[in-house]
Amino acid sequence: MDDDVEVPAGTNQLAALTKQLEAAQAKGAKPGAAADDGVFMGMTMGSLMIGLVLSTVGVALVRYARVTGQWMYAGIGALLFALPFVITDALWLGIAGAGAFGLMFFLRRFVTF
């Protein structure tokens, strides 16, 4: 039982758990949620994994740009590498990553450097 909640002797367990839940909700906890809600530095596991993939592709693009001398890829790679530091929501991170890939293909196809 939680040390912060006073449960009188002889009270049944359901009443004690209800009192404990009410105390946790008063502190701002969500019912049924873990203590940390599965969030690390403002990112969920999904956004961490998407960020890892985008950053890995970004580093690979920067390395490719160094070898070939095509610096457009370095710019897109740096953008992909920096996105997870700026955007923490998985949905928006995926949308921004897809937009960066789209920008890369658009620039490669229609813009001459």
N, C-alpha and C. Protein backbone atom coordinates (compact mmCIF):
# COMPACT_ATOMS: atom_id res chain seq x y z
N MET A 1 0.84 -1.19 0.00
CA MET A 1 0.00 0.00 0.00
C MET A 1 0.87 1.24 0.00
N ASP A 2 0.33 2.31 -0.50
CA ASP A 2 1.04 3.57 -0.57
C ASP A 2 1.16 4.16 0.84
N ASP A 3 2.33 4.67 1.15
CA ASP A 3 2.55 5.23 2.48
C ASP A 3 1.84 6.56 2.68
N ASP A 4 1.49 7.25 1.59
CA ASP A 4 0.86 8.57 1.71
C ASP A 4 -0.62 8.49 2.07
N VAL A 5 -1.24 7.33 1.88
CA VAL A 5 -2.68 7.19 2.08
C VAL A 5 -2.94 6.50 3.42
N GLU A 6 -3.75 7.14 4.23
CA GLU A 6 -4.13 6.57 5.52
C GLU A 6 -5.38 5.70 5.34
N VAL A 7 -5.27 4.42 5.62
CA VAL A 7 -6.41 3.52 5.52
C VAL A 7 -6.74 3.04 6.93
N PRO A 8 -7.97 3.33 7.40
CA PRO A 8 -8.33 2.91 8.75
C PRO A 8 -8.32 1.38 8.88
N ALA A 9 -8.01 0.92 10.07
CA ALA A 9 -8.00 -0.52 10.33
C ALA A 9 -9.41 -1.08 10.17
N GLY A 10 -9.52 -2.28 9.63
CA GLY A 10 -10.80 -2.93 9.44
C GLY A 10 -11.48 -2.57 8.13
N THR A 11 -10.86 -1.75 7.30
CA THR A 11 -11.42 -1.38 6.01
C THR A 11 -11.11 -2.49 5.01
N ASN A 12 -12.06 -2.77 4.14
CA ASN A 12 -11.81 -3.83 3.17
C ASN A 12 -10.80 -3.37 2.12
N GLN A 13 -10.26 -4.34 1.36
CA GLN A 13 -9.18 -4.04 0.42
C GLN A 13 -9.66 -3.18 -0.74
N LEU A 14 -10.90 -3.35 -1.18
CA LEU A 14 -11.42 -2.56 -2.29
C LEU A 14 -11.48 -1.08 -1.92
N ALA A 15 -11.94 -0.80 -0.71
CA ALA A 15 -12.01 0.59 -0.27
C ALA A 15 -10.60 1.19 -0.16
N ALA A 16 -9.65 0.37 0.30
CA ALA A 16 -8.27 0.85 0.42
C ALA A 16 -7.68 1.15 -0.96
N LEU A 17 -7.94 0.28 -1.93
CA LEU A 17 -7.42 0.51 -3.28
C LEU A 17 -8.10 1.71 -3.95
N THR A 18 -9.39 1.89 -3.67
CA THR A 18 -10.09 3.05 -4.21
C THR A 18 -9.51 4.33 -3.65
N LYS A 19 -9.22 4.32 -2.38
CA LYS A 19 -8.63 5.50 -1.74
C LYS A 19 -7.23 5.77 -2.30
N GLN A 20 -6.49 4.71 -2.56
CA GLN A 20 -5.15 4.84 -3.13
C GLN A 20 -5.23 5.41 -4.55
N LEU A 21 -6.20 4.95 -5.35
CA LEU A 21 -6.38 5.45 -6.70
C LEU A 21 -6.76 6.93 -6.69
N GLU A 22 -7.66 7.30 -5.79
CA GLU A 22 -8.07 8.71 -5.70
C GLU A 22 -6.89 9.59 -5.31
N ALA A 23 -6.02 9.11 -4.43
CA ALA A 23 -4.85 9.89 -4.04
C ALA A 23 -3.89 10.04 -5.22
N ALA A 24 -3.73 8.98 -6.01
CA ALA A 24 -2.84 9.05 -7.17
C ALA A 24 -3.40 9.99 -8.23
N GLN A 25 -4.73 9.96 -8.43
CA GLN A 25 -5.34 10.86 -9.40
C GLN A 25 -5.25 12.30 -8.94
N ALA A 26 -5.32 12.54 -7.65
CA ALA A 26 -5.19 13.89 -7.12
C ALA A 26 -3.79 14.43 -7.38
N LYS A 27 -2.79 13.53 -7.42
CA LYS A 27 -1.42 13.95 -7.72
C LYS A 27 -1.20 14.13 -9.22
N GLY A 28 -2.15 13.74 -10.06
CA GLY A 28 -2.03 13.92 -11.50
C GLY A 28 -1.74 12.64 -12.27
N ALA A 29 -1.72 11.49 -11.61
CA ALA A 29 -1.46 10.23 -12.31
C ALA A 29 -2.70 9.80 -13.07
N LYS A 30 -2.48 9.11 -14.18
CA LYS A 30 -3.59 8.59 -14.97
C LYS A 30 -3.91 7.18 -14.50
N PRO A 31 -5.18 6.81 -14.43
CA PRO A 31 -5.51 5.46 -13.98
C PRO A 31 -5.02 4.42 -14.98
N GLY A 32 -4.39 3.38 -14.49
CA GLY A 32 -3.92 2.29 -15.31
C GLY A 32 -2.63 2.56 -16.05
N ALA A 33 -2.06 3.74 -15.91
CA ALA A 33 -0.83 4.08 -16.62
C ALA A 33 0.37 3.79 -15.73
N ALA A 34 1.47 3.49 -16.39
CA ALA A 34 2.71 3.29 -15.65
C ALA A 34 3.17 4.62 -15.08
N ALA A 35 4.11 4.57 -14.17
CA ALA A 35 4.57 5.78 -13.52
C ALA A 35 5.20 6.76 -14.51
N ASP A 36 5.86 6.25 -15.55
CA ASP A 36 6.51 7.14 -16.50
C ASP A 36 5.80 7.20 -17.85
N ASP A 37 4.68 6.51 -18.02
CA ASP A 37 3.89 6.49 -19.24
C ASP A 37 4.66 6.01 -20.46
N GLY A 38 5.81 5.37 -20.28
CA GLY A 38 6.60 4.88 -21.41
C GLY A 38 7.24 5.98 -22.22
N VAL A 39 7.46 7.12 -21.62
CA VAL A 39 8.03 8.26 -22.33
C VAL A 39 9.46 8.48 -21.84
N PHE A 40 10.37 8.61 -22.80
CA PHE A 40 11.77 8.87 -22.48
C PHE A 40 12.17 10.16 -23.17
N MET A 41 12.50 11.17 -22.40
CA MET A 41 12.91 12.47 -22.92
C MET A 41 11.86 13.05 -23.88
N GLY A 42 10.60 12.85 -23.56
CA GLY A 42 9.52 13.39 -24.37
C GLY A 42 9.17 12.55 -25.59
N MET A 43 9.80 11.38 -25.75
CA MET A 43 9.57 10.55 -26.92
C MET A 43 9.03 9.19 -26.49
N THR A 44 8.07 8.68 -27.24
CA THR A 44 7.56 7.34 -26.99
C THR A 44 8.47 6.34 -27.69
N MET A 45 8.23 5.05 -27.49
CA MET A 45 9.06 4.04 -28.12
C MET A 45 8.95 4.12 -29.64
N GLY A 46 7.77 4.40 -30.15
CA GLY A 46 7.60 4.52 -31.60
C GLY A 46 8.41 5.66 -32.18
N SER A 47 8.35 6.83 -31.54
CA SER A 47 9.12 7.96 -32.06
C SER A 47 10.62 7.76 -31.89
N LEU A 48 11.03 7.04 -30.85
CA LEU A 48 12.45 6.71 -30.72
C LEU A 48 12.92 5.81 -31.86
N MET A 49 12.12 4.83 -32.23
CA MET A 49 12.51 3.92 -33.30
C MET A 49 12.50 4.64 -34.66
N ILE A 50 11.50 5.45 -34.91
CA ILE A 50 11.47 6.22 -36.16
C ILE A 50 12.65 7.17 -36.21
N GLY A 51 12.95 7.80 -35.09
CA GLY A 51 14.09 8.70 -35.03
C GLY A 51 15.41 7.99 -35.27
N LEU A 52 15.53 6.77 -34.74
CA LEU A 52 16.74 5.98 -34.95
C LEU A 52 16.91 5.65 -36.43
N VAL A 53 15.84 5.25 -37.08
CA VAL A 53 15.91 4.91 -38.51
C VAL A 53 16.25 6.16 -39.34
N LEU A 54 15.57 7.27 -39.08
CA LEU A 54 15.83 8.49 -39.84
C LEU A 54 17.26 8.99 -39.61
N SER A 55 17.74 8.93 -38.39
CA SER A 55 19.10 9.37 -38.10
C SER A 55 20.13 8.48 -38.77
N THR A 56 19.87 7.17 -38.80
CA THR A 56 20.79 6.25 -39.45
C THR A 56 20.86 6.53 -40.96
N VAL A 57 19.71 6.73 -41.57
CA VAL A 57 19.70 7.07 -43.00
C VAL A 57 20.36 8.43 -43.23
N GLY A 58 20.16 9.37 -42.32
CA GLY A 58 20.79 10.68 -42.45
C GLY A 58 22.30 10.60 -42.40
N VAL A 59 22.84 9.81 -41.48
CA VAL A 59 24.29 9.64 -41.40
C VAL A 59 24.81 8.96 -42.66
N ALA A 60 24.07 7.96 -43.16
CA ALA A 60 24.48 7.28 -44.39
C ALA A 60 24.49 8.26 -45.58
N LEU A 61 23.52 9.15 -45.64
CA LEU A 61 23.49 10.14 -46.72
C LEU A 61 24.66 11.11 -46.62
N VAL A 62 25.02 11.51 -45.42
CA VAL A 62 26.16 12.42 -45.25
C VAL A 62 27.44 11.72 -45.68
N ARG A 63 27.60 10.47 -45.30
CA ARG A 63 28.79 9.71 -45.72
C ARG A 63 28.81 9.54 -47.24
N TYR A 64 27.67 9.27 -47.85
CA TYR A 64 27.58 9.14 -49.30
C TYR A 64 27.96 10.45 -49.97
N ALA A 65 27.50 11.57 -49.41
CA ALA A 65 27.81 12.87 -49.99
C ALA A 65 29.31 13.17 -49.91
N ARG A 66 29.96 12.76 -48.84
CA ARG A 66 31.41 12.98 -48.72
C ARG A 66 32.17 12.20 -49.78
N VAL A 67 31.71 10.98 -50.07
CA VAL A 67 32.41 10.14 -51.04
C VAL A 67 32.18 10.64 -52.47
N THR A 68 30.93 10.99 -52.79
CA THR A 68 30.60 11.35 -54.16
C THR A 68 30.74 12.84 -54.46
N GLY A 69 30.77 13.67 -53.44
CA GLY A 69 30.86 15.11 -53.65
C GLY A 69 29.52 15.75 -54.00
N GLN A 70 28.42 15.04 -53.86
CA GLN A 70 27.10 15.59 -54.13
C GLN A 70 26.52 16.10 -52.80
N TRP A 71 26.69 17.37 -52.55
CA TRP A 71 26.41 17.94 -51.24
C TRP A 71 24.93 18.12 -50.95
N MET A 72 24.09 17.96 -51.98
CA MET A 72 22.65 17.99 -51.72
C MET A 72 22.28 16.86 -50.75
N TYR A 73 22.91 15.70 -50.92
CA TYR A 73 22.64 14.56 -50.05
C TYR A 73 23.09 14.84 -48.62
N ALA A 74 24.16 15.61 -48.47
CA ALA A 74 24.62 15.95 -47.12
C ALA A 74 23.60 16.85 -46.42
N GLY A 75 23.01 17.77 -47.16
CA GLY A 75 21.99 18.64 -46.56
C GLY A 75 20.76 17.87 -46.13
N ILE A 76 20.28 16.97 -47.00
CA ILE A 76 19.13 16.16 -46.65
C ILE A 76 19.48 15.22 -45.49
N GLY A 77 20.70 14.66 -45.51
CA GLY A 77 21.14 13.78 -44.42
C GLY A 77 21.19 14.51 -43.09
N ALA A 78 21.71 15.74 -43.11
CA ALA A 78 21.76 16.53 -41.87
C ALA A 78 20.35 16.85 -41.38
N LEU A 79 19.45 17.12 -42.33
CA LEU A 79 18.05 17.37 -41.95
C LEU A 79 17.44 16.13 -41.30
N LEU A 80 17.66 14.96 -41.93
CA LEU A 80 17.13 13.72 -41.36
C LEU A 80 17.74 13.41 -40.00
N PHE A 81 19.01 13.73 -39.85
CA PHE A 81 19.67 13.48 -38.57
C PHE A 81 19.14 14.41 -37.48
N ALA A 82 18.76 15.63 -37.84
CA ALA A 82 18.33 16.61 -36.85
C ALA A 82 16.84 16.53 -36.51
N LEU A 83 16.04 15.92 -37.38
CA LEU A 83 14.58 15.89 -37.15
C LEU A 83 14.19 15.30 -35.79
N PRO A 84 14.75 14.16 -35.35
CA PRO A 84 14.31 13.60 -34.07
C PRO A 84 14.63 14.49 -32.86
N PHE A 85 15.57 15.40 -33.02
CA PHE A 85 15.87 16.32 -31.91
C PHE A 85 14.85 17.43 -31.80
N VAL A 86 14.16 17.71 -32.91
CA VAL A 86 13.21 18.81 -32.95
C VAL A 86 11.77 18.32 -32.79
N ILE A 87 11.45 17.19 -33.42
CA ILE A 87 10.08 16.68 -33.42
C ILE A 87 10.05 15.41 -32.57
N THR A 88 9.18 15.36 -31.57
CA THR A 88 9.13 14.20 -30.67
C THR A 88 7.92 13.31 -30.89
N ASP A 89 6.93 13.77 -31.61
CA ASP A 89 5.74 12.96 -31.86
C ASP A 89 5.99 12.02 -33.03
N ALA A 90 5.62 10.75 -32.89
CA ALA A 90 5.93 9.73 -33.90
C ALA A 90 5.26 10.04 -35.23
N LEU A 91 4.01 10.45 -35.20
CA LEU A 91 3.29 10.73 -36.44
C LEU A 91 3.96 11.86 -37.22
N TRP A 92 4.21 12.97 -36.54
CA TRP A 92 4.81 14.12 -37.22
C TRP A 92 6.26 13.86 -37.62
N LEU A 93 6.93 13.04 -36.84
CA LEU A 93 8.30 12.68 -37.21
C LEU A 93 8.30 11.86 -38.49
N GLY A 94 7.36 10.93 -38.62
CA GLY A 94 7.25 10.15 -39.84
C GLY A 94 6.87 11.00 -41.03
N ILE A 95 5.95 11.94 -40.82
CA ILE A 95 5.54 12.83 -41.91
C ILE A 95 6.71 13.72 -42.35
N ALA A 96 7.44 14.26 -41.39
CA ALA A 96 8.58 15.11 -41.73
C ALA A 96 9.68 14.32 -42.42
N GLY A 97 9.90 13.08 -41.98
CA GLY A 97 10.90 12.23 -42.63
C GLY A 97 10.50 11.92 -44.06
N ALA A 98 9.23 11.60 -44.28
CA ALA A 98 8.75 11.35 -45.64
C ALA A 98 8.87 12.60 -46.49
N GLY A 99 8.62 13.76 -45.90
CA GLY A 99 8.78 15.01 -46.63
C GLY A 99 10.23 15.27 -47.00
N ALA A 100 11.15 14.94 -46.11
CA ALA A 100 12.57 15.11 -46.42
C ALA A 100 13.00 14.18 -47.54
N PHE A 101 12.51 12.93 -47.53
CA PHE A 101 12.81 12.01 -48.63
C PHE A 101 12.20 12.52 -49.93
N GLY A 102 10.97 13.02 -49.87
CA GLY A 102 10.34 13.58 -51.05
C GLY A 102 11.11 14.77 -51.59
N LEU A 103 11.61 15.63 -50.71
CA LEU A 103 12.42 16.76 -51.12
C LEU A 103 13.70 16.29 -51.81
N MET A 104 14.31 15.24 -51.28
CA MET A 104 15.53 14.72 -51.87
C MET A 104 15.26 14.22 -53.29
N PHE A 105 14.20 13.46 -53.49
CA PHE A 105 13.90 12.95 -54.82
C PHE A 105 13.46 14.07 -55.77
N PHE A 106 12.74 15.06 -55.26
CA PHE A 106 12.35 16.20 -56.09
C PHE A 106 13.58 16.97 -56.55
N LEU A 107 14.48 17.27 -55.62
CA LEU A 107 15.68 18.01 -55.98
C LEU A 107 16.55 17.24 -56.95
N ARG A 108 16.67 15.95 -56.75
CA ARG A 108 17.51 15.13 -57.64
C ARG A 108 16.90 15.08 -59.03
N ARG A 109 15.59 15.05 -59.14
CA ARG A 109 14.92 14.88 -60.43
C ARG A 109 14.78 16.18 -61.19
N PHE A 110 14.39 17.27 -60.50
CA PHE A 110 14.00 18.48 -61.20
C PHE A 110 14.95 19.66 -61.04
N VAL A 111 15.89 19.61 -60.14
CA VAL A 111 16.79 20.73 -59.91
C VAL A 111 18.20 20.28 -60.26
N THR A 112 18.88 21.09 -61.02
CA THR A 112 20.26 20.79 -61.43
C THR A 112 21.22 21.58 -60.55
N PHE A 113 22.16 20.86 -59.96
CA PHE A 113 23.17 21.52 -59.13
C PHE A 113 24.49 21.57 -59.86
